[in-house]
Amino acid sequence: MAILQVRDMDDRLYDRLKFAAKRDNRSISQQVITILQNYFTSVPVKPKNATEEFLKLSGSWEDARNTKEIIDDIRTSRVNSTRFEAVDGIFD
């Protein structure tokens, strides 16, 4: 059996590993082996190309209105927000 030694692990990461091991009633070594097995036996997900996904949207939004009508519609649908009005003086 191979031996794996990990150095300079962040304390927060180690604490999370220790917590997960305790939660699953495993030793820290068993928890690391389980995590690695799950990672390497999972089905790899092919990352999507953002540019291709964006280009697929081209022409998918059909609208009979012209640009000015769309902009006017967006502007008339807006409402004024009182979110940043000084209620308690925080934003003064």
N, C-alpha and C. Protein backbone atom coordinates (compact mmCIF):
# COMPACT_ATOMS: atom_id res chain seq x y z
N MET A 1 0.83 -1.19 0.00
CA MET A 1 0.00 0.00 0.00
C MET A 1 0.88 1.25 0.00
N ALA A 2 0.44 2.24 -0.75
CA ALA A 2 1.17 3.50 -0.81
C ALA A 2 0.87 4.36 0.41
N ILE A 3 1.80 5.21 0.72
CA ILE A 3 1.63 6.14 1.84
C ILE A 3 1.60 7.55 1.26
N LEU A 4 0.63 8.34 1.70
CA LEU A 4 0.50 9.71 1.24
C LEU A 4 0.69 10.64 2.43
N GLN A 5 1.57 11.61 2.26
CA GLN A 5 1.79 12.60 3.30
C GLN A 5 1.48 13.97 2.72
N VAL A 6 0.70 14.74 3.43
CA VAL A 6 0.31 16.07 2.97
C VAL A 6 0.90 17.09 3.92
N ARG A 7 1.60 18.08 3.35
CA ARG A 7 2.22 19.11 4.17
C ARG A 7 1.57 20.46 3.91
N ASP A 8 1.71 21.33 4.86
CA ASP A 8 1.25 22.71 4.73
C ASP A 8 -0.24 22.83 4.40
N MET A 9 -1.04 21.99 5.01
CA MET A 9 -2.49 22.06 4.82
C MET A 9 -3.04 23.18 5.70
N ASP A 10 -3.92 23.96 5.14
CA ASP A 10 -4.57 25.04 5.86
C ASP A 10 -5.33 24.47 7.06
N ASP A 11 -5.24 25.13 8.19
CA ASP A 11 -5.90 24.64 9.41
C ASP A 11 -7.41 24.52 9.24
N ARG A 12 -8.00 25.48 8.53
CA ARG A 12 -9.45 25.43 8.33
C ARG A 12 -9.85 24.22 7.49
N LEU A 13 -9.06 23.91 6.48
CA LEU A 13 -9.34 22.75 5.65
C LEU A 13 -9.20 21.47 6.46
N TYR A 14 -8.15 21.40 7.28
CA TYR A 14 -7.95 20.23 8.12
C TYR A 14 -9.10 20.06 9.11
N ASP A 15 -9.56 21.17 9.69
CA ASP A 15 -10.68 21.09 10.63
C ASP A 15 -11.95 20.58 9.94
N ARG A 16 -12.17 21.03 8.71
CA ARG A 16 -13.35 20.55 7.96
C ARG A 16 -13.22 19.07 7.65
N LEU A 17 -12.01 18.64 7.30
CA LEU A 17 -11.76 17.22 7.04
C LEU A 17 -11.98 16.39 8.29
N LYS A 18 -11.48 16.89 9.42
CA LYS A 18 -11.64 16.19 10.69
C LYS A 18 -13.12 16.11 11.08
N PHE A 19 -13.86 17.21 10.86
CA PHE A 19 -15.30 17.22 11.16
C PHE A 19 -16.04 16.21 10.29
N ALA A 20 -15.73 16.20 9.00
CA ALA A 20 -16.40 15.27 8.08
C ALA A 20 -16.08 13.82 8.45
N ALA A 21 -14.85 13.54 8.85
CA ALA A 21 -14.48 12.20 9.25
C ALA A 21 -15.25 11.78 10.50
N LYS A 22 -15.35 12.67 11.45
CA LYS A 22 -16.08 12.36 12.69
C LYS A 22 -17.56 12.14 12.39
N ARG A 23 -18.12 13.00 11.52
CA ARG A 23 -19.53 12.89 11.16
C ARG A 23 -19.82 11.55 10.50
N ASP A 24 -18.87 11.05 9.68
CA ASP A 24 -19.08 9.80 8.95
C ASP A 24 -18.49 8.59 9.67
N ASN A 25 -18.07 8.78 10.93
CA ASN A 25 -17.49 7.71 11.74
C ASN A 25 -16.30 7.06 11.04
N ARG A 26 -15.40 7.88 10.53
CA ARG A 26 -14.20 7.40 9.87
C ARG A 26 -12.98 8.07 10.50
N SER A 27 -11.84 7.46 10.25
CA SER A 27 -10.60 8.14 10.61
C SER A 27 -10.34 9.19 9.53
N ILE A 28 -9.42 10.08 9.80
CA ILE A 28 -9.08 11.10 8.81
C ILE A 28 -8.51 10.44 7.56
N SER A 29 -7.69 9.42 7.71
CA SER A 29 -7.14 8.70 6.56
C SER A 29 -8.24 8.05 5.73
N GLN A 30 -9.18 7.40 6.42
CA GLN A 30 -10.30 6.79 5.69
C GLN A 30 -11.14 7.84 4.96
N GLN A 31 -11.30 9.00 5.59
CA GLN A 31 -12.09 10.06 4.97
C GLN A 31 -11.39 10.57 3.70
N VAL A 32 -10.09 10.75 3.76
CA VAL A 32 -9.33 11.20 2.59
C VAL A 32 -9.44 10.17 1.46
N ILE A 33 -9.31 8.90 1.78
CA ILE A 33 -9.42 7.85 0.77
C ILE A 33 -10.82 7.86 0.14
N THR A 34 -11.85 8.02 0.96
CA THR A 34 -13.22 8.06 0.45
C THR A 34 -13.42 9.25 -0.47
N ILE A 35 -12.92 10.41 -0.08
CA ILE A 35 -13.05 11.61 -0.91
C ILE A 35 -12.35 11.40 -2.24
N LEU A 36 -11.14 10.86 -2.21
CA LEU A 36 -10.40 10.62 -3.45
C LEU A 36 -11.09 9.59 -4.34
N GLN A 37 -11.60 8.51 -3.74
CA GLN A 37 -12.31 7.49 -4.52
C GLN A 37 -13.56 8.09 -5.18
N ASN A 38 -14.31 8.86 -4.41
CA ASN A 38 -15.51 9.48 -4.98
C ASN A 38 -15.17 10.43 -6.11
N TYR A 39 -14.10 11.18 -5.96
CA TYR A 39 -13.70 12.13 -6.98
C TYR A 39 -13.27 11.43 -8.26
N PHE A 40 -12.44 10.40 -8.13
CA PHE A 40 -11.90 9.75 -9.31
C PHE A 40 -12.83 8.73 -9.95
N THR A 41 -13.87 8.32 -9.25
CA THR A 41 -14.83 7.38 -9.85
C THR A 41 -16.09 8.07 -10.35
N SER A 42 -16.21 9.37 -10.10
CA SER A 42 -17.39 10.07 -10.59
C SER A 42 -17.27 10.30 -12.09
N VAL A 43 -18.41 10.43 -12.73
CA VAL A 43 -18.43 10.67 -14.17
C VAL A 43 -17.95 12.08 -14.44
N PRO A 44 -16.92 12.23 -15.26
CA PRO A 44 -16.43 13.58 -15.53
C PRO A 44 -17.46 14.38 -16.32
N VAL A 45 -17.62 15.61 -15.93
CA VAL A 45 -18.54 16.51 -16.60
C VAL A 45 -17.74 17.38 -17.55
N LYS A 46 -18.11 17.32 -18.82
CA LYS A 46 -17.40 18.13 -19.80
C LYS A 46 -17.80 19.58 -19.60
N PRO A 47 -16.83 20.46 -19.34
CA PRO A 47 -17.19 21.87 -19.15
C PRO A 47 -17.72 22.46 -20.46
N LYS A 48 -18.74 23.28 -20.32
CA LYS A 48 -19.34 23.90 -21.49
C LYS A 48 -18.52 25.09 -21.93
N ASN A 49 -18.45 25.27 -23.21
CA ASN A 49 -17.76 26.41 -23.77
C ASN A 49 -18.71 27.60 -23.70
N ALA A 50 -18.35 28.60 -22.94
CA ALA A 50 -19.23 29.75 -22.71
C ALA A 50 -19.57 30.46 -24.01
N THR A 51 -18.61 30.56 -24.90
CA THR A 51 -18.86 31.24 -26.17
C THR A 51 -19.88 30.49 -27.00
N GLU A 52 -19.74 29.17 -27.07
CA GLU A 52 -20.71 28.36 -27.83
C GLU A 52 -22.10 28.46 -27.22
N GLU A 53 -22.18 28.43 -25.90
CA GLU A 53 -23.48 28.53 -25.23
C GLU A 53 -24.12 29.88 -25.51
N PHE A 54 -23.32 30.94 -25.53
CA PHE A 54 -23.84 32.27 -25.81
C PHE A 54 -24.33 32.35 -27.26
N LEU A 55 -23.56 31.79 -28.18
CA LEU A 55 -23.94 31.85 -29.59
C LEU A 55 -25.20 31.04 -29.88
N LYS A 56 -25.47 30.01 -29.08
CA LYS A 56 -26.71 29.24 -29.25
C LYS A 56 -27.93 30.10 -28.98
N LEU A 57 -27.77 31.13 -28.18
CA LEU A 57 -28.89 32.02 -27.87
C LEU A 57 -29.20 32.98 -29.01
N SER A 58 -28.29 33.10 -29.94
CA SER A 58 -28.46 34.04 -31.05
C SER A 58 -29.75 33.72 -31.81
N GLY A 59 -30.61 34.72 -31.92
CA GLY A 59 -31.86 34.55 -32.64
C GLY A 59 -32.95 33.85 -31.86
N SER A 60 -32.67 33.49 -30.61
CA SER A 60 -33.67 32.75 -29.83
C SER A 60 -34.73 33.67 -29.24
N TRP A 61 -34.47 34.97 -29.27
CA TRP A 61 -35.44 35.91 -28.74
C TRP A 61 -36.06 36.66 -29.90
N GLU A 62 -37.25 36.27 -30.24
CA GLU A 62 -37.97 36.91 -31.34
C GLU A 62 -38.91 37.95 -30.75
N ASP A 63 -38.90 39.14 -31.32
CA ASP A 63 -39.77 40.21 -30.84
C ASP A 63 -40.14 41.09 -32.02
N ALA A 64 -41.42 41.37 -32.15
CA ALA A 64 -41.90 42.16 -33.28
C ALA A 64 -41.65 43.66 -33.08
N ARG A 65 -41.34 44.06 -31.84
CA ARG A 65 -41.11 45.47 -31.56
C ARG A 65 -39.75 45.92 -32.05
N ASN A 66 -39.64 47.20 -32.35
CA ASN A 66 -38.33 47.71 -32.73
C ASN A 66 -37.57 48.09 -31.45
N THR A 67 -36.31 48.48 -31.60
CA THR A 67 -35.45 48.76 -30.46
C THR A 67 -36.00 49.85 -29.57
N LYS A 68 -36.51 50.93 -30.16
CA LYS A 68 -37.05 52.04 -29.38
C LYS A 68 -38.23 51.59 -28.54
N GLU A 69 -39.10 50.76 -29.11
CA GLU A 69 -40.27 50.27 -28.36
C GLU A 69 -39.84 49.38 -27.19
N ILE A 70 -38.84 48.57 -27.40
CA ILE A 70 -38.35 47.69 -26.32
C ILE A 70 -37.75 48.53 -25.19
N ILE A 71 -36.94 49.53 -25.54
CA ILE A 71 -36.33 50.39 -24.53
C ILE A 71 -37.39 51.16 -23.77
N ASP A 72 -38.38 51.69 -24.47
CA ASP A 72 -39.47 52.41 -23.82
C ASP A 72 -40.23 51.50 -22.86
N ASP A 73 -40.45 50.26 -23.28
CA ASP A 73 -41.16 49.30 -22.44
C ASP A 73 -40.36 49.01 -21.16
N ILE A 74 -39.06 48.86 -21.30
CA ILE A 74 -38.21 48.61 -20.13
C ILE A 74 -38.25 49.80 -19.18
N ARG A 75 -38.15 51.00 -19.72
CA ARG A 75 -38.14 52.20 -18.88
C ARG A 75 -39.47 52.39 -18.16
N THR A 76 -40.58 52.12 -18.82
CA THR A 76 -41.88 52.30 -18.17
C THR A 76 -42.16 51.22 -17.12
N SER A 77 -41.48 50.09 -17.23
CA SER A 77 -41.71 49.02 -16.25
C SER A 77 -40.90 49.21 -14.97
N ARG A 78 -39.95 50.14 -14.99
CA ARG A 78 -39.12 50.39 -13.80
C ARG A 78 -39.93 51.12 -12.75
N VAL A 79 -39.59 50.83 -11.49
CA VAL A 79 -40.22 51.53 -10.37
C VAL A 79 -39.13 52.20 -9.55
N ASN A 80 -39.45 53.30 -8.95
CA ASN A 80 -38.49 53.99 -8.10
C ASN A 80 -38.33 53.22 -6.81
N SER A 81 -37.11 53.10 -6.38
CA SER A 81 -36.81 52.36 -5.16
C SER A 81 -36.49 53.35 -4.04
N THR A 82 -36.95 53.02 -2.85
CA THR A 82 -36.62 53.81 -1.67
C THR A 82 -35.54 53.12 -0.85
N ARG A 83 -34.87 52.18 -1.48
CA ARG A 83 -33.89 51.36 -0.78
C ARG A 83 -32.78 52.18 -0.13
N PHE A 84 -32.32 53.24 -0.79
CA PHE A 84 -31.19 53.99 -0.26
C PHE A 84 -31.59 55.35 0.31
N GLU A 85 -32.85 55.53 0.56
CA GLU A 85 -33.26 56.78 1.21
C GLU A 85 -32.85 56.73 2.67
N ALA A 86 -32.49 57.87 3.20
CA ALA A 86 -32.00 57.93 4.58
C ALA A 86 -33.15 57.71 5.55
N VAL A 87 -33.21 56.52 6.11
CA VAL A 87 -34.20 56.19 7.11
C VAL A 87 -33.59 56.32 8.50
N ASP A 88 -32.40 55.82 8.63
CA ASP A 88 -31.72 55.88 9.92
C ASP A 88 -30.42 56.66 9.86
N GLY A 89 -30.16 57.31 8.74
CA GLY A 89 -28.98 58.16 8.64
C GLY A 89 -27.71 57.42 8.27
N ILE A 90 -27.78 56.15 7.95
CA ILE A 90 -26.57 55.39 7.62
C ILE A 90 -25.94 55.92 6.33
N PHE A 91 -26.75 56.28 5.35
CA PHE A 91 -26.22 56.70 4.05
C PHE A 91 -26.12 58.21 3.93
N ASP A 92 -26.21 58.95 5.01
CA ASP A 92 -26.11 60.40 4.96
C ASP A 92 -24.68 60.84 4.78
